[in-house]
């Protein structure tokens, strides 16, 4: 089974960083790259947990980038993914002790920096380091970069002609 973008899009929509939702473009692009590398395939419960850990990692990467680049502290509602993972485990496994084992596996997966490293490696192989950075930057929409006042009203700009 392959988790398509439409199967997971809601997790990214529930984690907006910018009001214009341009971060979804980045998430969708990265998901496409993961799909091309067969990292969205899940034929077992452990593989499904791995795919969900990649969703978690993608959101973490984007939020960490925004935090570093713009001194923003975007909220990460990781419990939304974790709640769904718990439901998936409970639907597929009857034994409560075994459910706990699978939930522990997921928690170890999301703490494993190798998941993020894999995503970065795929991005860098496709884009290179500069374009990887640019792919994140171009989707950002911090207020300080917009030509609007605090109320969101367009500011007048003067064009200097020489």
Protein backbone atom coordinates (compact mmCIF):
# COMPACT_ATOMS: atom_id res chain seq x y z
CA UNK A 1 0.00 0.00 0.00
CA UNK A 2 1.24 3.45 -0.89
CA UNK A 3 0.16 6.53 1.05
CA UNK A 4 -0.58 9.16 -1.56
CA UNK A 5 -0.38 12.91 -0.97
CA UNK A 6 -4.16 13.12 -0.62
CA UNK A 7 -4.01 10.47 2.14
CA UNK A 8 -1.66 12.56 4.29
CA UNK A 9 -2.29 16.15 3.19
CA UNK A 10 -4.53 16.86 6.18
CA UNK A 11 -1.62 16.44 8.61
CA UNK A 12 0.23 19.24 6.88
CA UNK A 13 -2.89 21.39 6.60
CA UNK A 14 -3.37 21.03 10.36
CA UNK A 15 0.17 22.34 10.89
CA UNK A 16 0.15 25.66 8.99
CA UNK A 17 3.11 27.92 9.52
CA UNK A 18 2.05 30.76 7.24
CA UNK A 19 -1.43 32.13 6.61
CA UNK A 20 -0.96 31.81 2.84
CA UNK A 21 -0.39 28.05 3.23
CA UNK A 22 2.61 28.13 0.87
CA UNK A 23 4.32 25.67 3.17
CA UNK A 24 1.97 23.05 1.68
CA UNK A 25 3.83 23.41 -1.64
CA UNK A 26 7.05 22.38 0.05
CA UNK A 27 5.42 19.48 1.88
CA UNK A 28 3.80 18.23 -1.32
CA UNK A 29 7.09 18.46 -3.22
CA UNK A 30 8.98 16.56 -0.53
CA UNK A 31 6.21 13.97 -0.37
CA UNK A 32 6.58 13.47 -4.12
CA UNK A 33 10.32 12.90 -3.66
CA UNK A 34 9.68 10.42 -0.86
CA UNK A 35 7.19 8.64 -3.12
CA UNK A 36 9.74 8.49 -5.95
CA UNK A 37 12.13 6.85 -3.49
CA UNK A 38 9.49 4.33 -2.31
CA UNK A 39 9.41 5.87 1.17
CA UNK A 40 5.61 6.21 1.22
CA UNK A 41 5.01 2.48 0.81
CA UNK A 42 3.67 0.59 3.80
CA UNK A 43 2.95 -3.12 3.57
CA UNK A 44 3.17 -3.73 7.30
CA UNK A 45 2.33 -1.86 10.46
CA UNK A 46 6.00 -1.06 11.13
CA UNK A 47 6.37 0.36 7.60
CA UNK A 48 3.22 2.44 8.14
CA UNK A 49 4.69 3.81 11.38
CA UNK A 50 7.87 4.65 9.46
CA UNK A 51 5.86 6.59 6.87
CA UNK A 52 4.07 8.52 9.62
CA UNK A 53 7.42 9.29 11.24
CA UNK A 54 8.46 10.87 7.92
CA UNK A 55 5.40 13.12 8.07
CA UNK A 56 6.48 14.12 11.56
CA UNK A 57 10.05 14.70 10.36
CA UNK A 58 8.95 16.86 7.41
CA UNK A 59 6.92 19.11 9.68
CA UNK A 60 9.79 19.28 12.16
CA UNK A 61 12.27 20.24 9.45
CA UNK A 62 10.05 23.03 8.16
CA UNK A 63 9.23 24.39 11.63
CA UNK A 64 12.89 24.27 12.67
CA UNK A 65 13.89 26.13 9.51
CA UNK A 66 11.32 28.86 10.17
CA UNK A 67 12.44 29.10 13.76
CA UNK A 68 16.08 29.57 12.74
CA UNK A 69 15.47 31.81 9.72
CA UNK A 70 12.85 34.14 11.15
CA UNK A 71 13.09 33.68 14.89
CA UNK A 72 9.52 32.42 14.70
CA UNK A 73 8.33 29.75 17.05
CA UNK A 74 5.64 28.05 15.02
CA UNK A 75 3.50 25.72 17.06
CA UNK A 76 3.86 22.05 16.21
CA UNK A 77 0.74 20.10 17.08
CA UNK A 78 2.44 16.71 16.94
CA UNK A 79 -0.31 15.14 18.99
CA UNK A 80 -2.56 15.16 15.89
CA UNK A 81 -0.28 12.70 14.10
CA UNK A 82 0.40 10.72 17.27
CA UNK A 83 -3.33 10.36 18.01
CA UNK A 84 -3.94 8.96 14.53
CA UNK A 85 -0.98 6.61 14.83
CA UNK A 86 -2.43 5.33 18.12
CA UNK A 87 -5.78 4.73 16.41
CA UNK A 88 -4.10 2.88 13.54
CA UNK A 89 -2.21 0.65 15.97
CA UNK A 90 -5.36 -0.02 18.01
CA UNK A 91 -7.31 -0.93 14.86
CA UNK A 92 -4.64 -3.34 13.60
CA UNK A 93 -3.52 -4.91 16.88
CA UNK A 94 -5.88 -6.39 19.49
CA UNK A 95 -3.46 -7.07 22.32
CA UNK A 96 -2.84 -3.98 24.48
CA UNK A 97 0.74 -4.95 25.34
CA UNK A 98 1.52 -5.39 21.67
CA UNK A 99 -0.14 -2.02 20.96
CA UNK A 100 2.23 -0.43 23.46
CA UNK A 101 5.20 -2.03 21.69
CA UNK A 102 4.13 -0.53 18.35
CA UNK A 103 3.52 2.88 19.93
CA UNK A 104 7.02 2.69 21.43
CA UNK A 105 8.40 1.84 17.98
CA UNK A 106 6.73 4.96 16.57
CA UNK A 107 8.09 7.12 19.39
CA UNK A 108 11.59 5.81 18.72
CA UNK A 109 11.18 6.48 15.01
CA UNK A 110 10.20 10.12 15.51
CA UNK A 111 13.16 10.64 17.83
CA UNK A 112 15.59 9.12 15.34
CA UNK A 113 17.55 11.83 13.53
CA UNK A 114 18.18 9.36 10.69
CA UNK A 115 14.64 10.02 9.39
CA UNK A 116 15.44 13.73 8.95
CA UNK A 117 18.83 12.87 7.47
CA UNK A 118 17.12 10.67 4.87
CA UNK A 119 14.81 13.51 3.85
CA UNK A 120 17.73 15.95 3.60
CA UNK A 121 19.77 13.45 1.58
CA UNK A 122 16.91 13.02 -0.90
CA UNK A 123 16.45 16.80 -1.20
CA UNK A 124 20.16 17.41 -1.65
CA UNK A 125 20.47 14.64 -4.24
CA UNK A 126 17.63 16.19 -6.23
CA UNK A 127 18.29 19.91 -5.65
CA UNK A 128 21.70 20.42 -4.10
CA UNK A 129 22.23 22.26 -0.82
CA UNK A 130 21.51 25.77 -2.12
CA UNK A 131 18.28 24.83 -3.84
CA UNK A 132 17.21 22.81 -0.80
CA UNK A 133 17.55 25.95 1.29
CA UNK A 134 15.77 27.99 -1.39
CA UNK A 135 12.93 25.47 -1.55
CA UNK A 136 12.23 26.20 2.11
CA UNK A 137 12.82 29.95 1.92
CA UNK A 138 10.54 30.62 -1.06
CA UNK A 139 7.51 29.18 0.71
CA UNK A 140 7.91 31.40 3.77
CA UNK A 141 5.71 34.40 4.39
CA UNK A 142 6.84 36.19 7.55
CA UNK A 143 5.17 39.52 8.23
CA UNK A 144 8.50 41.34 8.28
CA UNK A 145 9.09 40.44 4.63
CA UNK A 146 5.67 41.58 3.43
CA UNK A 147 4.94 45.11 2.35
CA UNK A 148 2.03 45.46 4.79
CA UNK A 149 1.46 47.16 8.10
CA UNK A 150 0.57 45.38 11.35
CA UNK A 151 -3.12 45.31 10.36
CA UNK A 152 -2.34 43.61 7.06
CA UNK A 153 -3.00 46.73 4.98
CA UNK A 154 -0.82 47.25 1.90
CA UNK A 155 1.84 49.90 2.43
CA UNK A 156 2.50 52.49 -0.23
CA UNK A 157 5.91 52.26 -1.74
CA UNK A 158 7.85 54.90 -3.53
CA UNK A 159 9.74 53.94 -6.59
CA UNK A 160 12.89 55.93 -7.00
CA UNK A 161 13.67 56.88 -10.55
CA UNK A 162 16.97 58.43 -11.39
